Amino acid sequence: MKFRHFALGWLFLLPILFHNCAQVAQPPGGKKDTIAPKLVSSVPKIRQLNYAGQSITLEYDEYVNVENIQQKVSITPQDSNTYLVKALPTGLRLNFDKPLQPNTTYTINFSDGIKDITERNVTTDNKIVFSTGSVIDSLYLTGTVIDDESRLPILGFVVGLFGPNDTLPINRKRPSYFARTDSNGIYRIENVKAGSYKVYGFDDKDLNLVNNTPGERVGFRDSVVALTRNYTDVNLVAFRGSAKPRISRRERTDETLGLELSSGIASYKIQYQKPQDTLVSFLESPKMIRLFRPANRAAGDTINVTIAAEDSVGNVTDLKERIYFSPLKTKAKDRKPLNVQVAPSPGEPIDNNLEFTLTFNKPVLRYSTNLINIGRDTTKPLELSPENLVWSNNFSRLAIKRQTNLRDTLYLKLAKGAFISVQGDTLARYLARYTIAEEDSYGLIAGRVNPATIAGKNFIIELLDEKYKVVRTAYGTSNYTFARLKPGQYRVRLIIDANGNKRRDIGNVQKGIQPETILYYTGAETNEGGLIPVKQNFELTDIDF
């Protein structure tokens, strides 16, 4: 009986075992799928004429993934017709809410939004062109976009075509036709209908095809393009627009008020509604004005002011503000003590023509030159006169300049009590040691500006470091020299000062003003990054324009 039960059990298990043995599994290894999906059919067909449908369907030769496709689709010309995307096993369908425009050539581009489901290979069949009329518009416009400051190509910059009568269209509407630049800064707008267009470009970081984000770079062509033929080399220079600052946040205590701005400024002036009113303030950062409550005013007292905020290119914006402070008493632990940042940093080699910059975290009310000791040791300081001290930013930044014949070592000592802030606190003792560099530790860059490059003296020569920070400047000097340079990598550029105001002006898209021209030196002395290597005791004297 037991044997019969055992045999029956085996007979029952055998089909299951044979089934498992016969299961098909993908063998390990093998070649990786590198073939992208291919388009096998579309409705409408590519370059079809007189299409009257209200949906677009694409079918591929394998299963595809169209995740986040709504963010990848671009349709030109742009209009207000919205659509929904439906994913299909081997493709997708766009269903439009309204009929398409008559007698219009449409270009629908899916960018990298269509991939196979195994290896995420992106299809190259990602664009469909068709017409609702009897012809396919075939005009195109191409060009490059470079950054105004670096002169390097920009990737992903939107270049769009707008109607000829639009006034500042990039701030309030989308372009009719557009394209984005590739890694070489090249764009190509295709299948454009003949007509007149304004050409504008912008960064479009939020991908909404509208230039409504402060600080985005913009570029434009001066004249309207009459597109009756194909255009090449419609090139743009992209510059950062100057957005008007506004007060975006207020940071109040019973002693200070911080006014945070929506965009950075270079300087400001305060005008008081009542002549007897006064406030101590300074620019804590390009986006923060810090004001201090007068000792004779209660926290809740109101002072009405107008702040004239000036940006780096001279645009002034008036900001009206009611100044008052918090009635809540500041705790002692929350008050920031007076401190200082010194440049150059301790330990850096320095020139014996001394130049120190002291940046304080609040304005200084009183100081004593007798407690500022600079010398070869802390017991024999150099004498400092008022001419050696230059204050800026409402007594929060101090430049100390002094020519010396010192060698080897230098000490900078700030004794306790050397500086007292507007809040009555004292700077702690500070001591730093520096090494004075030998004369042959420096390099030199020099050159000349050819009259054929620019006639007259309305130009600026700027020496920049590798991060595009301006190190030295010379104005209107045909034969220029930048001596005593620390070893490093530099750039030299020529700025055409078209309006003769002795500073470089960026463009103004509202007024249709292009940025002033920049020419970088790109001779044999530069490396691949456009930088000029400067070594110790080495002179480069033919950096010419």
Protein backbone atom coordinates (compact mmCIF):
# COMPACT_ATOMS: atom_id res chain seq x y z
CA MET A 1 0.00 0.00 0.00
CA LYS A 2 2.81 2.37 0.91
CA PHE A 3 4.62 1.54 -2.32
CA ARG A 4 1.48 2.32 -4.37
CA HIS A 5 1.11 5.69 -2.64
CA PHE A 6 4.78 6.45 -3.28
CA ALA A 7 4.50 5.55 -7.00
CA LEU A 8 1.36 7.63 -7.42
CA GLY A 9 3.14 10.59 -5.84
CA TRP A 10 6.01 10.34 -8.31
CA LEU A 11 3.62 10.13 -11.21
CA PHE A 12 1.98 13.31 -9.98
CA LEU A 13 5.30 15.20 -9.65
CA LEU A 14 6.82 14.16 -12.99
CA PRO A 15 4.76 16.57 -15.20
CA ILE A 16 5.72 19.49 -12.94
CA LEU A 17 9.40 18.60 -13.09
CA PHE A 18 9.34 18.20 -16.89
CA HIS A 19 7.50 21.54 -17.23
CA ASN A 20 10.16 23.38 -15.23
CA CYS A 21 12.91 21.79 -17.27
CA ALA A 22 11.28 22.96 -20.48
CA GLN A 23 10.92 26.67 -19.47
CA VAL A 24 12.60 29.12 -21.91
CA ALA A 25 14.99 31.70 -20.41
CA GLN A 26 17.12 34.36 -22.07
CA PRO A 27 20.63 32.93 -22.33
CA PRO A 28 23.31 34.87 -20.46
CA GLY A 29 25.75 37.04 -22.40
CA GLY A 30 25.16 37.93 -26.02
CA LYS A 31 25.50 41.21 -27.87
CA LYS A 32 24.07 44.38 -26.34
CA ASP A 33 21.15 45.94 -28.22
CA THR A 34 22.51 49.12 -29.80
CA ILE A 35 19.92 49.55 -32.54
CA ALA A 36 17.53 52.47 -32.04
CA PRO A 37 13.82 52.20 -32.84
CA LYS A 38 12.97 52.86 -36.50
CA LEU A 39 9.82 54.63 -37.64
CA VAL A 40 7.66 52.28 -39.71
CA SER A 41 4.52 54.42 -40.16
CA SER A 42 3.03 57.77 -39.26
CA VAL A 43 -0.27 59.60 -39.62
CA PRO A 44 0.10 61.93 -41.39
CA LYS A 45 2.91 60.57 -43.53
CA ILE A 46 6.18 62.48 -43.55
CA ARG A 47 5.89 65.57 -45.82
CA GLN A 48 2.22 64.81 -46.48
CA LEU A 49 0.18 67.64 -48.02
CA ASN A 50 -3.41 68.73 -47.27
CA TYR A 51 -3.61 66.89 -43.94
CA ALA A 52 -7.00 67.53 -42.32
CA GLY A 53 -6.76 65.35 -39.21
CA GLN A 54 -6.60 66.44 -35.58
CA SER A 55 -4.14 63.86 -34.26
CA ILE A 56 -0.57 62.73 -34.98
CA THR A 57 0.43 59.05 -34.67
CA LEU A 58 3.91 57.50 -34.86
CA GLU A 59 4.59 53.72 -34.92
CA TYR A 60 8.04 52.12 -34.50
CA ASP A 61 9.46 48.66 -35.17
CA GLU A 62 9.76 47.74 -31.46
CA TYR A 63 8.35 48.56 -28.06
CA VAL A 64 9.25 52.12 -27.00
CA ASN A 65 9.30 54.23 -23.86
CA VAL A 66 7.87 57.76 -24.09
CA GLU A 67 8.15 58.77 -20.44
CA ASN A 68 8.03 62.58 -19.88
CA ILE A 69 7.46 63.06 -23.61
CA GLN A 70 5.29 66.15 -22.97
CA GLN A 71 8.43 68.01 -21.90
CA LYS A 72 10.35 66.91 -25.00
CA VAL A 73 7.85 67.77 -27.76
CA SER A 74 8.38 71.00 -29.72
CA ILE A 75 5.88 72.14 -32.35
CA THR A 76 6.41 74.92 -34.87
CA PRO A 77 4.80 77.19 -35.69
CA GLN A 78 3.63 77.80 -32.12
CA ASP A 79 -0.01 78.55 -31.39
CA SER A 80 -2.50 78.18 -28.54
CA ASN A 81 -3.73 74.74 -29.64
CA THR A 82 -3.17 72.36 -26.72
CA TYR A 83 -2.83 68.59 -26.98
CA LEU A 84 -2.68 65.37 -24.98
CA VAL A 85 -0.11 62.61 -25.50
CA LYS A 86 -1.24 58.96 -25.47
CA ALA A 87 1.47 56.31 -25.16
CA LEU A 88 1.10 53.28 -27.47
CA PRO A 89 3.02 49.97 -27.12
CA THR A 90 5.19 50.78 -30.13
CA GLY A 91 4.65 54.52 -30.50
CA LEU A 92 2.56 57.49 -29.40
CA ARG A 93 -0.34 59.68 -30.45
CA LEU A 94 -0.88 63.46 -30.06
CA ASN A 95 -4.55 64.47 -29.87
CA PHE A 96 -5.10 68.20 -30.45
CA ASP A 97 -8.02 70.06 -28.84
CA LYS A 98 -8.73 72.14 -31.96
CA PRO A 99 -8.22 71.73 -35.71
CA LEU A 100 -4.76 72.59 -36.99
CA GLN A 101 -4.19 75.91 -38.76
CA PRO A 102 -4.99 75.86 -42.49
CA ASN A 103 -2.26 76.19 -45.15
CA THR A 104 0.48 75.71 -42.55
CA THR A 105 3.64 73.60 -42.56
CA TYR A 106 4.06 71.89 -39.18
CA THR A 107 7.32 70.54 -37.76
CA ILE A 108 6.95 68.30 -34.69
CA ASN A 109 10.20 67.31 -32.99
CA PHE A 110 10.36 64.77 -30.13
CA SER A 111 14.04 65.37 -29.33
CA ASP A 112 15.39 62.43 -27.24
CA GLY A 113 11.98 61.53 -25.81
CA ILE A 114 11.46 58.24 -27.70
CA LYS A 115 13.64 55.27 -26.61
CA ASP A 116 13.47 51.50 -26.81
CA ILE A 117 12.50 49.73 -23.58
CA THR A 118 15.56 47.46 -23.29
CA GLU A 119 18.69 49.62 -23.59
CA ARG A 120 17.08 53.08 -23.83
CA ASN A 121 18.46 53.65 -27.33
CA VAL A 122 17.14 56.99 -28.60
CA THR A 123 15.47 57.01 -32.00
CA THR A 124 16.85 59.24 -34.71
CA ASP A 125 13.44 59.21 -36.43
CA ASN A 126 12.25 61.88 -34.03
CA LYS A 127 10.77 64.52 -36.34
CA ILE A 128 7.77 64.70 -38.64
CA VAL A 129 7.03 67.45 -41.16
CA PHE A 130 3.67 67.83 -42.93
CA SER A 131 1.36 70.54 -44.29
CA THR A 132 -2.33 71.33 -43.94
CA GLY A 133 -2.06 73.10 -47.31
CA SER A 134 -0.81 72.29 -50.78
CA VAL A 135 2.88 73.14 -50.21
CA ILE A 136 5.65 72.41 -47.69
CA ASP A 137 7.40 75.60 -46.52
CA SER A 138 11.12 74.95 -46.98
CA LEU A 139 12.93 78.15 -45.97
CA TYR A 140 15.49 77.93 -43.18
CA LEU A 141 17.67 80.19 -41.04
CA THR A 142 20.93 79.17 -39.34
CA GLY A 143 23.65 80.76 -37.23
CA THR A 144 25.69 80.51 -34.05
CA VAL A 145 25.27 81.90 -30.53
CA ILE A 146 28.22 82.84 -28.30
CA ASP A 147 28.39 84.15 -24.75
CA ASP A 148 29.12 87.87 -24.52
CA GLU A 149 31.76 87.58 -21.77
CA SER A 150 33.57 84.35 -22.63
CA ARG A 151 32.89 84.37 -26.42
CA LEU A 152 32.31 80.61 -26.14
CA PRO A 153 29.40 78.77 -27.82
CA ILE A 154 26.24 78.17 -25.79
CA LEU A 155 24.38 74.86 -25.62
CA GLY A 156 20.57 74.72 -25.46
CA PHE A 157 20.00 78.42 -26.19
CA VAL A 158 16.58 79.10 -27.76
CA VAL A 159 16.59 81.16 -30.96
CA GLY A 160 13.10 82.18 -32.08
CA LEU A 161 11.32 84.05 -34.85
CA PHE A 162 8.68 86.60 -33.86
CA GLY A 163 6.30 88.81 -35.80
CA PRO A 164 7.79 92.07 -37.13
CA ASN A 165 5.39 94.26 -35.13
CA ASP A 166 5.84 92.54 -31.77
CA THR A 167 7.30 94.83 -29.10
CA LEU A 168 9.68 92.99 -26.77
CA PRO A 169 8.03 89.66 -27.55
CA ILE A 170 10.36 87.37 -25.61
CA ASN A 171 8.95 88.67 -22.31
CA ARG A 172 5.34 87.89 -23.04
CA LYS A 173 4.85 85.33 -25.82
CA ARG A 174 6.38 82.28 -27.42
CA PRO A 175 8.14 82.40 -30.79
CA SER A 176 6.33 81.24 -33.92
CA TYR A 177 9.37 79.19 -34.96
CA PHE A 178 12.35 78.23 -32.83
CA ALA A 179 15.34 75.93 -32.44
CA ARG A 180 17.87 75.20 -29.70
CA THR A 181 21.64 75.42 -30.16
CA ASP A 182 23.86 72.35 -30.12
CA SER A 183 27.16 71.99 -28.24
CA ASN A 184 28.88 74.13 -30.90
CA GLY A 185 26.36 76.93 -30.44
CA ILE A 186 24.80 76.24 -33.86
CA TYR A 187 21.04 76.47 -34.43
CA ARG A 188 18.91 75.74 -37.50
CA ILE A 189 15.25 76.80 -37.85
CA GLU A 190 13.63 74.85 -40.68
CA ASN A 191 10.39 74.77 -42.70
CA VAL A 192 9.68 78.45 -42.15
CA LYS A 193 6.95 80.28 -44.03
CA ALA A 194 8.13 83.25 -46.12
CA GLY A 195 7.66 86.55 -44.31
CA SER A 196 9.31 89.16 -42.10
CA TYR A 197 10.57 88.16 -38.65
CA LYS A 198 12.40 89.53 -35.64
CA VAL A 199 15.13 87.20 -34.32
CA TYR A 200 15.52 86.90 -30.54
CA GLY A 201 17.26 84.32 -28.35
CA PHE A 202 17.28 83.49 -24.63
CA ASP A 203 18.43 80.84 -22.14
CA ASP A 204 14.97 79.38 -21.29
CA LYS A 205 16.14 77.51 -18.18
CA ASP A 206 12.54 76.79 -17.13
CA LEU A 207 11.72 75.34 -20.60
CA ASN A 208 8.57 77.44 -21.13
CA LEU A 209 9.80 79.19 -24.33
CA VAL A 210 9.31 82.60 -22.67
CA ASN A 211 12.12 84.82 -21.38
CA ASN A 212 10.57 85.57 -18.00
CA THR A 213 13.34 84.47 -15.60
CA PRO A 214 15.58 87.28 -14.26
CA GLY A 215 19.24 86.86 -15.15
CA GLU A 216 18.70 84.76 -18.27
CA ARG A 217 20.98 85.66 -21.16
CA VAL A 218 19.36 87.25 -24.20
CA GLY A 219 20.47 88.08 -27.73
CA PHE A 220 18.85 89.67 -30.76
CA ARG A 221 19.40 90.70 -34.35
CA ASP A 222 19.32 94.46 -34.94
CA SER A 223 17.16 94.38 -38.05
CA VAL A 224 14.07 92.51 -39.18
CA VAL A 225 14.79 89.51 -41.44
CA ALA A 226 12.80 89.48 -44.70
CA LEU A 227 12.72 85.71 -45.13
CA THR A 228 12.24 85.24 -48.88
CA ARG A 229 15.40 83.13 -49.18
CA ASN A 230 17.51 80.93 -46.91
CA TYR A 231 19.72 82.76 -44.40
CA THR A 232 23.01 81.56 -42.93
CA ASP A 233 25.31 83.20 -40.37
CA VAL A 234 22.51 84.97 -38.49
CA ASN A 235 24.75 85.02 -35.44
CA LEU A 236 23.85 86.27 -31.96
CA VAL A 237 25.84 87.47 -28.96
CA ALA A 238 24.06 86.50 -25.72
CA PHE A 239 24.36 88.85 -22.75
CA ARG A 240 22.76 88.97 -19.32
CA GLY A 241 19.85 91.36 -19.23
CA SER A 242 19.72 94.00 -16.50
CA ALA A 243 16.57 93.27 -14.50
CA LYS A 244 15.31 96.06 -12.26
CA PRO A 245 15.95 95.17 -8.61
CA ARG A 246 13.10 95.05 -6.13
CA ILE A 247 13.01 94.37 -2.40
CA SER A 248 12.14 90.67 -2.13
CA ARG A 249 12.61 90.10 1.63
CA ARG A 250 13.07 92.07 4.85
CA GLU A 251 15.17 90.77 7.74
CA ARG A 252 14.41 92.73 10.93
CA THR A 253 15.90 92.82 14.41
CA ASP A 254 15.68 95.64 16.96
CA GLU A 255 19.15 96.83 15.81
CA THR A 256 19.37 96.12 12.06
CA LEU A 257 17.22 95.81 8.95
CA GLY A 258 18.36 93.75 5.98
CA LEU A 259 16.76 94.54 2.61
CA GLU A 260 17.28 91.59 0.25
CA LEU A 261 17.08 92.48 -3.44
CA SER A 262 15.87 90.36 -6.35
CA SER A 263 19.03 91.12 -8.35
CA GLY A 264 22.50 92.35 -7.51
CA ILE A 265 23.55 96.02 -7.49
CA ALA A 266 26.91 97.80 -7.50
CA SER A 267 26.04 100.76 -5.25
CA TYR A 268 23.16 102.78 -3.80
CA LYS A 269 22.25 106.15 -2.30
CA ILE A 270 19.60 106.90 0.32
CA GLN A 271 17.38 110.00 0.09
CA TYR A 272 15.41 110.89 3.24
CA GLN A 273 11.91 112.32 3.22
CA LYS A 274 12.86 114.37 6.30
CA PRO A 275 16.27 116.10 6.07
CA GLN A 276 16.96 115.50 9.78
CA ASP A 277 16.72 111.72 9.41
CA THR A 278 19.88 109.67 8.98
CA LEU A 279 20.86 105.98 8.94
CA VAL A 280 24.12 104.07 8.87
CA SER A 281 24.08 101.36 6.20
CA PHE A 282 26.29 99.36 3.84
CA LEU A 283 26.09 96.87 0.99
CA GLU A 284 26.55 93.59 2.83
CA SER A 285 26.45 91.67 -0.46
CA PRO A 286 25.34 92.59 -4.01
CA LYS A 287 21.80 91.53 -3.03
CA MET A 288 21.64 92.78 0.59
CA ILE A 289 21.55 96.33 2.01
CA ARG A 290 22.03 96.33 5.78
CA LEU A 291 20.76 99.33 7.81
CA PHE A 292 21.43 100.07 11.48
CA ARG A 293 19.01 101.68 13.94
CA PRO A 294 20.19 105.07 15.26
CA ALA A 295 20.76 105.07 19.02
CA ASN A 296 18.30 107.96 19.47
CA ARG A 297 15.41 106.25 17.64
CA ALA A 298 12.93 103.72 19.01
CA ALA A 299 12.63 100.42 17.12
CA GLY A 300 9.08 101.20 15.99
CA ASP A 301 9.87 104.69 14.65
CA THR A 302 9.37 104.96 10.89
CA ILE A 303 11.83 106.64 8.52
CA ASN A 304 10.63 107.11 4.92
CA VAL A 305 13.39 106.84 2.35
CA THR A 306 14.01 106.40 -1.37
CA ILE A 307 16.92 104.08 -2.21
CA ALA A 308 18.53 104.80 -5.59
CA ALA A 309 20.00 101.39 -6.50
CA GLU A 310 22.57 101.37 -9.33
CA ASP A 311 23.61 98.21 -11.17
CA SER A 312 27.01 97.44 -12.68
CA VAL A 313 26.19 99.16 -16.00
CA GLY A 314 24.80 102.38 -14.53
CA ASN A 315 21.04 101.70 -14.55
CA VAL A 316 19.39 103.34 -11.53
CA THR A 317 16.15 102.12 -9.91
CA ASP A 318 14.36 104.07 -7.17
CA LEU A 319 13.03 101.90 -4.32
CA LYS A 320 10.66 103.56 -1.84
CA GLU A 321 10.73 102.01 1.64
CA ARG A 322 9.38 102.61 5.17
CA ILE A 323 12.26 101.84 7.51
CA TYR A 324 11.49 100.52 10.98
CA PHE A 325 12.97 97.86 13.26
CA SER A 326 11.65 94.91 15.28
CA PRO A 327 10.45 95.65 18.83
CA LEU A 328 11.83 92.30 20.03
CA LYS A 329 15.13 92.65 21.83
CA THR A 330 18.10 90.92 20.16
CA LYS A 331 19.76 88.31 22.34
CA ALA A 332 23.46 88.86 22.96
CA LYS A 333 24.31 85.44 21.51
CA ASP A 334 22.59 86.35 18.24
CA ARG A 335 24.55 89.55 17.68
CA LYS A 336 27.36 89.13 15.17
CA PRO A 337 30.73 90.42 16.47
CA LEU A 338 32.90 92.68 14.32
CA ASN A 339 35.26 90.62 12.15
CA VAL A 340 37.41 91.17 9.09
CA GLN A 341 38.59 89.35 5.97
CA VAL A 342 42.05 90.34 4.74
CA ALA A 343 43.30 90.03 1.17
CA PRO A 344 45.79 88.76 0.22
CA SER A 345 45.38 85.78 2.51
CA PRO A 346 48.03 85.14 5.18
CA GLY A 347 51.00 83.19 3.85
CA GLU A 348 50.62 84.38 0.24
CA PRO A 349 53.68 85.91 -1.45
CA ILE A 350 53.14 89.66 -1.85
CA ASP A 351 54.69 92.61 -3.63
CA ASN A 352 56.73 95.10 -1.58
CA ASN A 353 54.48 97.80 -3.02
CA LEU A 354 51.94 96.81 -0.41
CA GLU A 355 48.22 96.67 -1.06
CA PHE A 356 45.91 95.11 1.55
CA THR A 357 42.11 95.05 1.42
CA LEU A 358 40.23 94.73 4.71
CA THR A 359 36.53 93.83 4.37
CA PHE A 360 34.46 94.17 7.55
CA ASN A 361 31.08 92.54 8.26
CA LYS A 362 29.63 95.90 9.40
CA PRO A 363 30.57 99.59 9.03
CA VAL A 364 33.41 100.95 11.15
CA LEU A 365 32.64 103.96 13.35
CA ARG A 366 36.15 104.72 14.67
CA TYR A 367 39.68 103.50 13.95
CA SER A 368 43.25 104.27 15.02
CA THR A 369 46.18 104.17 12.58
CA ASN A 370 48.52 103.84 15.57
CA LEU A 371 47.09 100.37 16.19
CA ILE A 372 47.57 99.24 12.57
CA ASN A 373 51.10 97.84 12.42
CA ILE A 374 52.75 96.85 9.12
CA GLY A 375 56.48 96.09 9.03
CA ARG A 376 59.32 93.59 8.94
CA ASP A 377 58.54 92.80 12.57
CA THR A 378 55.79 93.73 14.99
CA THR A 379 57.94 96.20 16.92
CA LYS A 380 59.00 98.44 14.00
CA PRO A 381 55.85 99.37 12.06
CA LEU A 382 55.77 101.53 8.94
CA GLU A 383 54.22 104.94 9.33
CA LEU A 384 50.75 105.21 7.72
CA SER A 385 49.32 108.53 6.56
CA PRO A 386 45.68 109.27 5.64
CA GLU A 387 46.73 109.03 1.95
CA ASN A 388 47.60 105.37 2.50
CA LEU A 389 44.05 104.52 3.63
CA VAL A 390 41.07 104.48 1.25
CA TRP A 391 37.63 103.67 2.64
CA SER A 392 34.63 102.51 0.55
CA ASN A 393 31.17 100.96 0.93
CA ASN A 394 30.26 103.28 3.82
CA PHE A 395 33.35 102.49 5.89
CA SER A 396 33.07 98.70 5.61
CA ARG A 397 35.99 98.19 3.19
CA LEU A 398 39.51 99.59 3.69
CA ALA A 399 42.35 99.55 1.13
CA ILE A 400 45.84 100.10 2.58
CA LYS A 401 48.47 101.05 -0.02
CA ARG A 402 52.10 101.74 0.87
CA GLN A 403 55.32 101.59 -1.17
CA THR A 404 58.24 100.04 0.71
CA ASN A 405 61.72 98.63 0.21
CA LEU A 406 61.11 95.69 2.52
CA ARG A 407 62.51 92.25 1.75
CA ASP A 408 61.88 88.69 2.90
CA THR A 409 59.15 88.89 5.57
CA LEU A 410 56.27 91.22 6.45
CA TYR A 411 53.81 91.26 9.35
CA LEU A 412 50.34 92.78 9.47
CA LYS A 413 49.13 93.32 13.02
CA LEU A 414 45.78 94.84 14.00
CA ALA A 415 45.83 95.51 17.74
CA LYS A 416 42.67 95.17 19.80
CA GLY A 417 40.77 98.46 19.54
CA ALA A 418 42.13 99.35 16.09
CA PHE A 419 38.57 99.27 14.72
CA ILE A 420 35.24 99.88 16.49
CA SER A 421 31.97 99.21 14.70
CA VAL A 422 28.77 101.27 14.51
CA GLN A 423 27.37 98.90 17.14
CA GLY A 424 30.21 99.66 19.56
CA ASP A 425 32.01 96.31 19.44
CA THR A 426 35.76 96.05 18.90
CA LEU A 427 37.72 94.00 16.40
CA ALA A 428 39.74 91.24 18.08
CA ARG A 429 43.53 91.16 17.75
CA TYR A 430 44.70 90.03 14.28
CA LEU A 431 48.18 88.95 13.20
CA ALA A 432 49.32 87.64 9.79
CA ARG A 433 52.74 86.87 8.30
CA TYR A 434 53.62 87.28 4.61
CA THR A 435 56.59 86.51 2.39
CA ILE A 436 57.75 89.29 0.06
CA ALA A 437 58.40 87.89 -3.39
CA GLU A 438 61.66 88.59 -5.21
CA GLU A 439 61.59 90.78 -8.34
CA ASP A 440 62.26 87.79 -10.60
CA SER A 441 59.26 85.96 -9.15
CA TYR A 442 56.93 87.89 -11.47
CA GLY A 443 56.10 87.87 -15.16
CA LEU A 444 54.99 90.52 -17.65
CA ILE A 445 52.44 90.86 -20.46
CA ALA A 446 52.64 93.74 -22.92
CA GLY A 447 51.48 94.58 -26.42
CA ARG A 448 50.03 97.23 -28.69
CA VAL A 449 46.69 98.09 -30.30
CA ASN A 450 46.93 98.54 -34.06
CA PRO A 451 45.12 101.66 -35.39
CA ALA A 452 43.62 99.38 -38.05
CA THR A 453 41.79 97.53 -35.25
CA ILE A 454 40.31 100.69 -33.76
CA ALA A 455 40.92 104.33 -34.55
CA GLY A 456 41.23 106.73 -31.64
CA LYS A 457 41.52 106.04 -27.91
CA ASN A 458 38.03 104.76 -27.05
CA PHE A 459 39.03 101.28 -25.97
CA ILE A 460 39.79 99.31 -22.82
CA ILE A 461 42.49 96.66 -22.40
CA GLU A 462 41.65 94.21 -19.62
CA LEU A 463 43.77 91.49 -18.05
CA LEU A 464 41.66 88.65 -16.61
CA ASP A 465 42.44 85.54 -14.62
CA GLU A 466 41.27 82.08 -15.68
CA LYS A 467 37.88 82.65 -13.99
CA TYR A 468 37.28 85.82 -16.05
CA LYS A 469 37.90 88.11 -13.05
CA VAL A 470 39.42 91.45 -14.09
CA VAL A 471 42.94 91.81 -12.63
CA ARG A 472 44.27 94.96 -14.36
CA THR A 473 42.86 97.60 -16.71
CA ALA A 474 44.33 100.15 -19.13
CA TYR A 475 42.23 102.73 -20.99
CA GLY A 476 43.13 104.18 -24.40
CA THR A 477 46.74 103.03 -24.17
CA SER A 478 48.02 101.91 -27.58
CA ASN A 479 51.18 100.45 -26.03
CA TYR A 480 50.13 98.75 -22.81
CA THR A 481 52.08 96.86 -20.12
CA PHE A 482 50.91 94.68 -17.24
CA ALA A 483 54.01 94.16 -15.09
CA ARG A 484 54.71 92.29 -11.84
CA LEU A 485 52.20 89.50 -12.57
CA LYS A 486 52.10 86.45 -10.35
CA PRO A 487 52.74 83.20 -12.23
CA GLY A 488 49.46 81.81 -13.51
CA GLN A 489 47.14 81.79 -16.50
CA TYR A 490 45.61 84.98 -17.86
CA ARG A 491 43.41 86.31 -20.64
CA VAL A 492 43.77 89.66 -22.40
CA ARG A 493 40.84 91.31 -24.13
CA LEU A 494 40.11 94.54 -25.99
CA ILE A 495 36.77 96.29 -25.40
CA ILE A 496 35.52 98.82 -27.96
CA ASP A 497 34.15 101.66 -25.80
CA ALA A 498 31.64 102.88 -28.39
CA ASN A 499 30.05 105.58 -26.20
CA GLY A 500 33.32 106.70 -24.60
CA ASN A 501 32.14 106.38 -20.99
CA LYS A 502 35.30 104.49 -19.98
CA ARG A 503 33.49 101.34 -18.93
CA ARG A 504 32.13 98.29 -20.69
CA ASP A 505 28.36 98.45 -21.31
CA ILE A 506 26.30 95.31 -21.74
CA GLY A 507 23.36 95.38 -24.13
CA ASN A 508 19.79 96.46 -23.48
CA VAL A 509 17.17 94.38 -25.25
CA GLN A 510 14.38 96.82 -24.33
CA LYS A 511 16.19 99.69 -26.06
CA GLY A 512 17.60 97.56 -28.88
CA ILE A 513 21.23 98.23 -27.85
CA GLN A 514 23.84 95.54 -28.50
CA PRO A 515 26.67 94.97 -25.97
CA GLU A 516 29.95 96.72 -26.69
CA THR A 517 32.31 94.53 -28.70
CA ILE A 518 34.90 92.33 -26.98
CA LEU A 519 37.98 90.93 -28.77
CA TYR A 520 40.04 88.28 -26.94
CA TYR A 521 43.67 87.70 -27.77
CA THR A 522 43.95 84.28 -29.46
CA GLY A 523 47.54 84.24 -30.72
CA ALA A 524 50.14 81.50 -30.61
CA GLU A 525 50.87 82.15 -26.92
CA THR A 526 47.42 80.93 -25.85
CA ASN A 527 46.58 77.33 -24.97
CA GLU A 528 43.43 75.41 -25.92
CA GLY A 529 41.36 77.26 -23.33
CA GLY A 530 42.43 80.67 -24.69
CA LEU A 531 44.68 81.27 -21.66
CA ILE A 532 48.16 82.83 -21.69
CA PRO A 533 50.57 81.02 -19.31
CA VAL A 534 52.77 83.45 -17.37
CA LYS A 535 55.91 82.12 -15.65
CA GLN A 536 58.40 83.60 -13.21
CA ASN A 537 60.90 86.04 -14.71
CA PHE A 538 59.25 85.72 -18.13
CA GLU A 539 58.05 88.49 -20.45
CA LEU A 540 55.46 88.28 -23.25
CA THR A 541 55.71 91.56 -25.18
CA ASP A 542 53.81 90.91 -28.41
CA ILE A 543 50.23 90.34 -27.21
CA ASP A 544 48.91 92.63 -29.96
CA PHE A 545 45.44 93.47 -31.31
